[in-house]
Amino acid sequence: MFYQIKQYIKFLLKSTNQHGVHSPFVYNLVTKCFYDKSNYNSYAHILNYKRALLKNKTKISITDLGVGSHVAKQKERSISEIAKNAGTTNKRAKLLYRLASYFEFKNILELGTSLGIATQAMALTNPKANIITIEGCPNISEFTKENFKNNKLEHINLINNDFNNALKSLKLNTYDLIFFDGNHQKKATLNYFETLLQTTHNNSVFIFDDIYWSKEMTEAWESIKKHPKVTVTINTFFWGFVFFRKEQVKEHFTIRV
């Protein structure tokens, strides 16, 4: 936690808003998406989905294939506890909704479903989008799959598997967005990044969750920024955005959201 506080202070000193951005592509993204203050009707569905999870006291046994939670260490946890400690925040879920709408993503891959808070937010933008999401824990996967069904989110394909095994077939596809939200370890993150590079096109977007989770995770983020195929990155502290637009000069932005 001390590491994250120290890094956040550094982030605040270095970060800027839209006025410090000279790239038209990034400026438009920041002003029309990141800072969009519109109150979309779908926000109510996003908040209700999370609210229902926070009220659910059902307990399930957890199989954690990543580095686990900084907060909860017990093997049996309630749905409400998972939603509170490991679930996507309302602010970030709304931002994911705006991002999926802004870029009109049609093919999405998510590594780390958990209770599907982020998945649901992305799914609301386009009922015809193809969304594949991977969850390692069998019990969480079973609960979330049923929850998607109850919420009529039928265009989400939830796969219960280890990331490495699942990606053997999924890496043959092409994706508009890949959301990396599981296994916050340096070696694993870089491995997923390298494996999924072949699935990108010029307008693909990668989002890495919790790039300041640990010193190692930040090192992974810095390595990703240096990759020759990466042209533009945006650091919002909680997320790292990666773009592969060949028409862009290589540039890194640190933006307050």
C-alpha atoms as a PDB file:
ATOM      1  CA  MET A   1       0.000   0.000   0.000  1.00  0.00           C
ATOM      2  CA  PHE A   2       2.895   2.383   0.777  1.00  0.00           C
ATOM      3  CA  TYR A   3       4.270   1.775  -2.707  1.00  0.00           C
ATOM      4  CA  GLN A   4       0.962   2.757  -4.287  1.00  0.00           C
ATOM      5  CA  ILE A   5       0.639   5.922  -2.197  1.00  0.00           C
ATOM      6  CA  LYS A   6       4.165   6.990  -3.118  1.00  0.00           C
ATOM      7  CA  GLN A   7       3.516   6.313  -6.807  1.00  0.00           C
ATOM      8  CA  TYR A   8       0.208   8.181  -6.718  1.00  0.00           C
ATOM      9  CA  ILE A   9       1.917  11.285  -5.402  1.00  0.00           C
ATOM     10  CA  LYS A  10       4.425  11.039  -8.258  1.00  0.00           C
ATOM     11  CA  PHE A  11       1.537  10.549 -10.686  1.00  0.00           C
ATOM     12  CA  LEU A  12      -0.244  13.688  -9.464  1.00  0.00           C
ATOM     13  CA  LEU A  13       2.912  15.758  -9.871  1.00  0.00           C
ATOM     14  CA  LYS A  14       3.468  14.506 -13.414  1.00  0.00           C
ATOM     15  CA  SER A  15      -0.092  14.194 -14.737  1.00  0.00           C
ATOM     16  CA  THR A  16      -2.071  16.701 -16.743  1.00  0.00           C
ATOM     17  CA  ASN A  17      -5.550  17.172 -18.220  1.00  0.00           C
ATOM     18  CA  GLN A  18      -6.601  17.816 -21.819  1.00  0.00           C
ATOM     19  CA  HIS A  19      -4.723  21.140 -21.887  1.00  0.00           C
ATOM     20  CA  GLY A  20      -1.400  19.335 -21.801  1.00  0.00           C
ATOM     21  CA  VAL A  21      -2.242  17.114 -24.780  1.00  0.00           C
ATOM     22  CA  HIS A  22      -1.119  18.054 -28.305  1.00  0.00           C
ATOM     23  CA  SER A  23      -2.128  14.841 -30.095  1.00  0.00           C
ATOM     24  CA  PRO A  24      -5.565  15.326 -31.769  1.00  0.00           C
ATOM     25  CA  PHE A  25      -6.370  11.626 -31.280  1.00  0.00           C
ATOM     26  CA  VAL A  26      -5.603  11.681 -27.545  1.00  0.00           C
ATOM     27  CA  TYR A  27      -7.161  15.139 -27.056  1.00  0.00           C
ATOM     28  CA  ASN A  28     -10.456  13.949 -28.553  1.00  0.00           C
ATOM     29  CA  LEU A  29     -10.373  10.764 -26.471  1.00  0.00           C
ATOM     30  CA  VAL A  30      -9.787  12.716 -23.269  1.00  0.00           C
ATOM     31  CA  THR A  31     -12.354  15.459 -23.903  1.00  0.00           C
ATOM     32  CA  LYS A  32     -15.091  13.416 -25.585  1.00  0.00           C
ATOM     33  CA  CYS A  33     -14.765  10.184 -23.603  1.00  0.00           C
ATOM     34  CA  PHE A  34     -12.665  10.412 -20.430  1.00  0.00           C
ATOM     35  CA  TYR A  35     -14.227  13.744 -19.395  1.00  0.00           C
ATOM     36  CA  ASP A  36     -17.702  13.131 -20.816  1.00  0.00           C
ATOM     37  CA  LYS A  37     -20.126  14.207 -18.057  1.00  0.00           C
ATOM     38  CA  SER A  38     -23.289  12.957 -19.770  1.00  0.00           C
ATOM     39  CA  ASN A  39     -25.648  10.900 -17.622  1.00  0.00           C
ATOM     40  CA  TYR A  40     -26.276   7.902 -19.880  1.00  0.00           C
ATOM     41  CA  ASN A  41     -29.367   5.763 -19.281  1.00  0.00           C
ATOM     42  CA  SER A  42     -27.173   2.652 -19.108  1.00  0.00           C
ATOM     43  CA  TYR A  43     -25.462   4.008 -15.979  1.00  0.00           C
ATOM     44  CA  ALA A  44     -28.537   2.991 -13.987  1.00  0.00           C
ATOM     45  CA  HIS A  45     -28.107  -0.623 -15.167  1.00  0.00           C
ATOM     46  CA  ILE A  46     -24.396  -0.503 -14.263  1.00  0.00           C
ATOM     47  CA  LEU A  47     -25.152   0.774 -10.745  1.00  0.00           C
ATOM     48  CA  ASN A  48     -28.042  -1.663 -10.189  1.00  0.00           C
ATOM     49  CA  TYR A  49     -25.860  -4.604 -11.241  1.00  0.00           C
ATOM     50  CA  LYS A  50     -23.194  -3.656  -8.708  1.00  0.00           C
ATOM     51  CA  ARG A  51     -25.770  -2.814  -6.016  1.00  0.00           C
ATOM     52  CA  ALA A  52     -27.330  -6.272  -6.285  1.00  0.00           C
ATOM     53  CA  LEU A  53     -23.916  -7.915  -5.851  1.00  0.00           C
ATOM     54  CA  LEU A  54     -23.151  -5.812  -2.784  1.00  0.00           C
ATOM     55  CA  LYS A  55     -26.372  -7.074  -1.177  1.00  0.00           C
ATOM     56  CA  ASN A  56     -25.679 -10.731  -1.981  1.00  0.00           C
ATOM     57  CA  LYS A  57     -24.409 -12.561   1.131  1.00  0.00           C
ATOM     58  CA  THR A  58     -23.998 -15.938  -0.601  1.00  0.00           C
ATOM     59  CA  LYS A  59     -20.629 -17.488   0.249  1.00  0.00           C
ATOM     60  CA  ILE A  60     -18.533 -19.370  -2.294  1.00  0.00           C
ATOM     61  CA  SER A  61     -15.158 -21.121  -2.185  1.00  0.00           C
ATOM     62  CA  ILE A  62     -12.423 -19.294  -4.087  1.00  0.00           C
ATOM     63  CA  THR A  63      -9.701 -20.726  -6.308  1.00  0.00           C
ATOM     64  CA  ASP A  64      -7.309 -17.839  -6.942  1.00  0.00           C
ATOM     65  CA  LEU A  65      -4.918 -18.411  -9.871  1.00  0.00           C
ATOM     66  CA  GLY A  66      -3.337 -14.929  -9.774  1.00  0.00           C
ATOM     67  CA  VAL A  67      -1.621 -12.979  -6.996  1.00  0.00           C
ATOM     68  CA  GLY A  68      -4.890 -12.776  -5.094  1.00  0.00           C
ATOM     69  CA  SER A  69      -6.444  -9.947  -3.179  1.00  0.00           C
ATOM     70  CA  HIS A  70      -4.569  -7.344  -1.142  1.00  0.00           C
ATOM     71  CA  VAL A  71      -7.560  -7.295   1.216  1.00  0.00           C
ATOM     72  CA  ALA A  72      -9.241 -10.700   1.430  1.00  0.00           C
ATOM     73  CA  LYS A  73      -7.121 -13.820   1.971  1.00  0.00           C
ATOM     74  CA  GLN A  74      -9.658 -16.422   3.148  1.00  0.00           C
ATOM     75  CA  LYS A  75     -10.670 -19.184   0.742  1.00  0.00           C
ATOM     76  CA  GLU A  76     -14.407 -18.692   1.296  1.00  0.00           C
ATOM     77  CA  ARG A  77     -15.853 -15.246   0.624  1.00  0.00           C
ATOM     78  CA  SER A  78     -19.284 -13.733   0.204  1.00  0.00           C
ATOM     79  CA  ILE A  79     -20.365 -12.261  -3.123  1.00  0.00           C
ATOM     80  CA  SER A  80     -20.785  -8.877  -1.419  1.00  0.00           C
ATOM     81  CA  GLU A  81     -17.213  -8.987  -0.089  1.00  0.00           C
ATOM     82  CA  ILE A  82     -15.788  -9.819  -3.517  1.00  0.00           C
ATOM     83  CA  ALA A  83     -17.817  -7.027  -5.104  1.00  0.00           C
ATOM     84  CA  LYS A  84     -16.617  -4.549  -2.483  1.00  0.00           C
ATOM     85  CA  ASN A  85     -12.917  -5.459  -2.435  1.00  0.00           C
ATOM     86  CA  ALA A  86     -12.186  -6.845  -5.903  1.00  0.00           C
ATOM     87  CA  GLY A  87     -14.978  -5.535  -8.096  1.00  0.00           C
ATOM     88  CA  THR A  88     -14.611  -2.691 -10.589  1.00  0.00           C
ATOM     89  CA  THR A  89     -15.601   0.662  -9.083  1.00  0.00           C
ATOM     90  CA  ASN A  90     -18.664   2.513 -10.370  1.00  0.00           C
ATOM     91  CA  LYS A  91     -16.460   5.253 -11.818  1.00  0.00           C
ATOM     92  CA  ARG A  92     -14.325   2.809 -13.788  1.00  0.00           C
ATOM     93  CA  ALA A  93     -17.335   0.780 -14.944  1.00  0.00           C
ATOM     94  CA  LYS A  94     -18.883   3.969 -16.346  1.00  0.00           C
ATOM     95  CA  LEU A  95     -15.599   4.831 -18.066  1.00  0.00           C
ATOM     96  CA  LEU A  96     -15.478   1.349 -19.640  1.00  0.00           C
ATOM     97  CA  TYR A  97     -19.005   1.888 -20.923  1.00  0.00           C
ATOM     98  CA  ARG A  98     -17.997   5.219 -22.487  1.00  0.00           C
ATOM     99  CA  LEU A  99     -14.843   3.705 -23.992  1.00  0.00           C
ATOM    100  CA  ALA A 100     -16.713   0.799 -25.571  1.00  0.00           C
ATOM    101  CA  SER A 101     -19.253   3.263 -26.954  1.00  0.00           C
ATOM    102  CA  TYR A 102     -16.669   5.820 -28.145  1.00  0.00           C
ATOM    103  CA  PHE A 103     -14.571   3.283 -30.063  1.00  0.00           C
ATOM    104  CA  GLU A 104     -17.556   1.083 -31.031  1.00  0.00           C
ATOM    105  CA  PHE A 105     -15.732  -2.095 -30.059  1.00  0.00           C
ATOM    106  CA  LYS A 106     -17.222  -5.186 -31.692  1.00  0.00           C
ATOM    107  CA  ASN A 107     -14.777  -7.874 -30.535  1.00  0.00           C
ATOM    108  CA  ILE A 108     -13.695  -7.743 -26.890  1.00  0.00           C
ATOM    109  CA  LEU A 109     -11.534 -10.064 -24.802  1.00  0.00           C
ATOM    110  CA  GLU A 110     -11.322  -9.751 -21.019  1.00  0.00           C
ATOM    111  CA  LEU A 111      -8.775 -11.570 -18.875  1.00  0.00           C
ATOM    112  CA  GLY A 112     -10.337 -11.789 -15.422  1.00  0.00           C
ATOM    113  CA  THR A 113     -14.141 -11.769 -15.243  1.00  0.00           C
ATOM    114  CA  SER A 114     -14.658 -11.942 -11.482  1.00  0.00           C
ATOM    115  CA  LEU A 115     -18.317 -10.968 -10.887  1.00  0.00           C
ATOM    116  CA  GLY A 116     -18.629  -9.407 -14.320  1.00  0.00           C
ATOM    117  CA  ILE A 117     -19.030  -5.762 -13.281  1.00  0.00           C
ATOM    118  CA  ALA A 118     -16.661  -4.522 -15.989  1.00  0.00           C
ATOM    119  CA  THR A 119     -17.974  -7.093 -18.467  1.00  0.00           C
ATOM    120  CA  GLN A 120     -21.551  -5.949 -18.001  1.00  0.00           C
ATOM    121  CA  ALA A 121     -20.579  -2.294 -18.491  1.00  0.00           C
ATOM    122  CA  MET A 122     -18.893  -3.078 -21.811  1.00  0.00           C
ATOM    123  CA  ALA A 123     -21.728  -5.367 -22.928  1.00  0.00           C
ATOM    124  CA  LEU A 124     -24.373  -2.662 -22.469  1.00  0.00           C
ATOM    125  CA  THR A 125     -22.979  -0.555 -25.321  1.00  0.00           C
ATOM    126  CA  ASN A 126     -23.664  -3.036 -28.103  1.00  0.00           C
ATOM    127  CA  PRO A 127     -25.932  -6.115 -27.861  1.00  0.00           C
ATOM    128  CA  LYS A 128     -24.316  -7.444 -31.048  1.00  0.00           C
ATOM    129  CA  ALA A 129     -20.729  -7.192 -29.796  1.00  0.00           C
ATOM    130  CA  ASN A 130     -18.766 -10.406 -29.355  1.00  0.00           C
ATOM    131  CA  ILE A 131     -17.440 -10.466 -25.787  1.00  0.00           C
ATOM    132  CA  ILE A 132     -15.206 -13.266 -24.522  1.00  0.00           C
ATOM    133  CA  THR A 133     -14.198 -13.194 -20.879  1.00  0.00           C
ATOM    134  CA  ILE A 134     -12.021 -15.658 -18.932  1.00  0.00           C
ATOM    135  CA  GLU A 135     -12.378 -16.530 -15.248  1.00  0.00           C
ATOM    136  CA  GLY A 136     -10.118 -19.040 -13.496  1.00  0.00           C
ATOM    137  CA  CYS A 137     -12.210 -19.775 -10.413  1.00  0.00           C
ATOM    138  CA  PRO A 138     -14.924 -22.396 -11.171  1.00  0.00           C
ATOM    139  CA  ASN A 139     -17.346 -21.172  -8.476  1.00  0.00           C
ATOM    140  CA  ILE A 140     -17.085 -17.499  -9.413  1.00  0.00           C
ATOM    141  CA  SER A 141     -17.426 -18.481 -13.052  1.00  0.00           C
ATOM    142  CA  GLU A 142     -20.587 -20.486 -12.370  1.00  0.00           C
ATOM    143  CA  PHE A 143     -22.154 -17.675 -10.313  1.00  0.00           C
ATOM    144  CA  THR A 144     -21.306 -14.953 -12.831  1.00  0.00           C
ATOM    145  CA  LYS A 145     -22.454 -16.971 -15.826  1.00  0.00           C
ATOM    146  CA  GLU A 146     -25.854 -17.429 -14.171  1.00  0.00           C
ATOM    147  CA  ASN A 147     -25.921 -13.726 -13.264  1.00  0.00           C
ATOM    148  CA  PHE A 148     -25.278 -12.756 -16.911  1.00  0.00           C
ATOM    149  CA  LYS A 149     -28.154 -15.029 -17.927  1.00  0.00           C
ATOM    150  CA  ASN A 150     -30.494 -13.433 -15.376  1.00  0.00           C
ATOM    151  CA  ASN A 151     -29.530  -9.990 -16.677  1.00  0.00           C
ATOM    152  CA  LYS A 152     -30.134 -11.071 -20.293  1.00  0.00           C
ATOM    153  CA  LEU A 153     -26.483 -10.520 -21.273  1.00  0.00           C
ATOM    154  CA  GLU A 154     -26.562 -13.324 -23.790  1.00  0.00           C
ATOM    155  CA  HIS A 155     -23.740 -12.058 -26.024  1.00  0.00           C
ATOM    156  CA  ILE A 156     -21.081 -12.709 -23.375  1.00  0.00           C
ATOM    157  CA  ASN A 157     -19.077 -15.933 -23.674  1.00  0.00           C
ATOM    158  CA  LEU A 158     -17.616 -16.706 -20.237  1.00  0.00           C
ATOM    159  CA  ILE A 159     -14.814 -19.288 -20.290  1.00  0.00           C
ATOM    160  CA  ASN A 160     -13.759 -20.993 -17.057  1.00  0.00           C
ATOM    161  CA  ASN A 161     -10.089 -21.798 -17.562  1.00  0.00           C
ATOM    162  CA  ASP A 162      -6.541 -20.811 -16.775  1.00  0.00           C
ATOM    163  CA  PHE A 163      -5.528 -17.818 -18.929  1.00  0.00           C
ATOM    164  CA  ASN A 164      -2.644 -19.646 -20.614  1.00  0.00           C
ATOM    165  CA  ASN A 165      -4.816 -22.595 -21.608  1.00  0.00           C
ATOM    166  CA  ALA A 166      -7.685 -20.420 -22.803  1.00  0.00           C
ATOM    167  CA  LEU A 167      -5.412 -18.209 -24.907  1.00  0.00           C
ATOM    168  CA  LYS A 168      -4.117 -21.144 -26.955  1.00  0.00           C
ATOM    169  CA  SER A 169      -7.237 -20.947 -29.127  1.00  0.00           C
ATOM    170  CA  LEU A 170      -8.273 -17.343 -28.451  1.00  0.00           C
ATOM    171  CA  LYS A 171      -4.978 -15.910 -29.730  1.00  0.00           C
ATOM    172  CA  LEU A 172      -6.066 -16.890 -33.250  1.00  0.00           C
ATOM    173  CA  ASN A 173      -8.797 -14.216 -33.212  1.00  0.00           C
ATOM    174  CA  THR A 174      -8.596 -10.452 -33.759  1.00  0.00           C
ATOM    175  CA  TYR A 175      -9.786  -8.057 -31.051  1.00  0.00           C
ATOM    176  CA  ASP A 176     -10.733  -4.386 -30.890  1.00  0.00           C
ATOM    177  CA  LEU A 177     -10.233  -4.296 -27.116  1.00  0.00           C
ATOM    178  CA  ILE A 178      -8.386  -6.519 -24.682  1.00  0.00           C
ATOM    179  CA  PHE A 179      -8.874  -5.752 -20.999  1.00  0.00           C
ATOM    180  CA  PHE A 180      -6.140  -7.302 -18.828  1.00  0.00           C
ATOM    181  CA  ASP A 181      -7.704  -7.540 -15.372  1.00  0.00           C
ATOM    182  CA  GLY A 182      -6.212 -10.588 -13.708  1.00  0.00           C
ATOM    183  CA  ASN A 183      -2.915 -12.066 -12.499  1.00  0.00           C
ATOM    184  CA  HIS A 184      -1.021  -8.867 -11.686  1.00  0.00           C
ATOM    185  CA  GLN A 185       2.433 -10.409 -11.937  1.00  0.00           C
ATOM    186  CA  LYS A 186       5.202  -9.054 -14.154  1.00  0.00           C
ATOM    187  CA  LYS A 187       6.133 -12.266 -15.940  1.00  0.00           C
ATOM    188  CA  ALA A 188       2.514 -13.309 -16.542  1.00  0.00           C
ATOM    189  CA  THR A 189       1.455  -9.822 -17.709  1.00  0.00           C
ATOM    190  CA  LEU A 190       4.314  -9.584 -20.214  1.00  0.00           C
ATOM    191  CA  ASN A 191       3.592 -13.111 -21.419  1.00  0.00           C
ATOM    192  CA  TYR A 192      -0.090 -12.296 -22.059  1.00  0.00           C
ATOM    193  CA  PHE A 193       0.919  -9.066 -23.786  1.00  0.00           C
ATOM    194  CA  GLU A 194       3.360 -10.802 -26.128  1.00  0.00           C
ATOM    195  CA  THR A 195       0.938 -13.656 -26.825  1.00  0.00           C
ATOM    196  CA  LEU A 196      -1.936 -11.325 -27.704  1.00  0.00           C
ATOM    197  CA  LEU A 197       0.055  -8.873 -29.842  1.00  0.00           C
ATOM    198  CA  GLN A 198      -0.740 -11.054 -32.852  1.00  0.00           C
ATOM    199  CA  THR A 199      -4.478 -10.436 -32.297  1.00  0.00           C
ATOM    200  CA  THR A 200      -4.260  -6.670 -32.809  1.00  0.00           C
ATOM    201  CA  HIS A 201      -5.092  -4.427 -35.749  1.00  0.00           C
ATOM    202  CA  ASN A 202      -4.203  -0.770 -36.209  1.00  0.00           C
ATOM    203  CA  ASN A 203      -7.056   0.485 -34.011  1.00  0.00           C
ATOM    204  CA  SER A 204      -6.908  -2.135 -31.277  1.00  0.00           C
ATOM    205  CA  VAL A 205      -6.759  -0.995 -27.665  1.00  0.00           C
ATOM    206  CA  PHE A 206      -5.162  -2.796 -24.718  1.00  0.00           C
ATOM    207  CA  ILE A 207      -6.095  -1.748 -21.164  1.00  0.00           C
ATOM    208  CA  PHE A 208      -3.980  -2.962 -18.247  1.00  0.00           C
ATOM    209  CA  ASP A 209      -5.600  -2.805 -14.827  1.00  0.00           C
ATOM    210  CA  ASP A 210      -3.687  -1.755 -11.694  1.00  0.00           C
ATOM    211  CA  ILE A 211      -0.360  -0.827 -13.280  1.00  0.00           C
ATOM    212  CA  TYR A 212       0.793   0.324  -9.822  1.00  0.00           C
ATOM    213  CA  TRP A 213      -0.374  -2.850  -8.050  1.00  0.00           C
ATOM    214  CA  SER A 214       3.254  -3.563  -7.206  1.00  0.00           C
ATOM    215  CA  LYS A 215       6.767  -2.539  -8.234  1.00  0.00           C
ATOM    216  CA  GLU A 216       6.893  -5.563 -10.562  1.00  0.00           C
ATOM    217  CA  MET A 217       3.591  -4.631 -12.201  1.00  0.00           C
ATOM    218  CA  THR A 218       4.892  -1.117 -12.852  1.00  0.00           C
ATOM    219  CA  GLU A 219       8.047  -2.618 -14.369  1.00  0.00           C
ATOM    220  CA  ALA A 220       5.839  -4.682 -16.690  1.00  0.00           C
ATOM    221  CA  TRP A 221       4.008  -1.498 -17.710  1.00  0.00           C
ATOM    222  CA  GLU A 222       7.277   0.292 -18.466  1.00  0.00           C
ATOM    223  CA  SER A 223       8.437  -2.649 -20.613  1.00  0.00           C
ATOM    224  CA  ILE A 224       5.171  -2.609 -22.550  1.00  0.00           C
ATOM    225  CA  LYS A 225       5.555   1.119 -23.260  1.00  0.00           C
ATOM    226  CA  LYS A 226       8.938   0.467 -24.873  1.00  0.00           C
ATOM    227  CA  HIS A 227       7.717  -2.256 -27.233  1.00  0.00           C
ATOM    228  CA  PRO A 228       8.302  -1.268 -30.899  1.00  0.00           C
ATOM    229  CA  LYS A 229       4.699  -2.052 -31.885  1.00  0.00           C
ATOM    230  CA  VAL A 230       3.321   0.300 -29.234  1.00  0.00           C
ATOM    231  CA  THR A 231       2.889   3.886 -30.419  1.00  0.00           C
ATOM    232  CA  VAL A 232       0.747   5.697 -27.846  1.00  0.00           C
ATOM    233  CA  THR A 233       0.162   4.970 -24.166  1.00  0.00           C
ATOM    234  CA  ILE A 234      -1.978   6.740 -21.588  1.00  0.00           C
ATOM    235  CA  ASN A 235      -1.354   6.314 -17.864  1.00  0.00           C
ATOM    236  CA  THR A 236      -4.414   7.135 -15.735  1.00  0.00           C
ATOM    237  CA  PHE A 237      -2.786   5.571 -12.648  1.00  0.00           C
ATOM    238  CA  PHE A 238      -5.429   2.857 -12.182  1.00  0.00           C
ATOM    239  CA  TRP A 239      -5.302   1.842 -15.867  1.00  0.00           C
ATOM    240  CA  GLY A 240      -2.683   1.844 -18.581  1.00  0.00           C
ATOM    241  CA  PHE A 241      -3.943   2.284 -22.159  1.00  0.00           C
ATOM    242  CA  VAL A 242      -1.955   0.976 -25.119  1.00  0.00           C
ATOM    243  CA  PHE A 243      -2.518   1.901 -28.781  1.00  0.00           C
ATOM    244  CA  PHE A 244      -0.908   0.539 -31.949  1.00  0.00           C
ATOM    245  CA  ARG A 245      -1.837   3.284 -34.429  1.00  0.00           C
ATOM    246  CA  LYS A 246       0.948   3.347 -37.029  1.00  0.00           C
ATOM    247  CA  GLU A 247       0.048   6.894 -38.086  1.00  0.00           C
ATOM    248  CA  GLN A 248       0.898   8.172 -34.586  1.00  0.00           C
ATOM    249  CA  VAL A 249       4.364   9.166 -33.402  1.00  0.00           C
ATOM    250  CA  LYS A 250       5.443   7.295 -30.284  1.00  0.00           C
ATOM    251  CA  GLU A 251       4.290   9.287 -27.264  1.00  0.00           C
ATOM    252  CA  HIS A 252       3.342   8.614 -23.651  1.00  0.00           C
ATOM    253  CA  PHE A 253       0.705  10.584 -21.760  1.00  0.00           C
ATOM    254  CA  THR A 254      -0.111  10.793 -18.065  1.00  0.00           C
ATOM    255  CA  ILE A 255      -3.704  11.922 -17.650  1.00  0.00           C
ATOM    256  CA  ARG A 256      -5.836  12.586 -14.574  1.00  0.00           C
ATOM    257  CA  VAL A 257      -9.300  11.012 -14.927  1.00  0.00           C
END
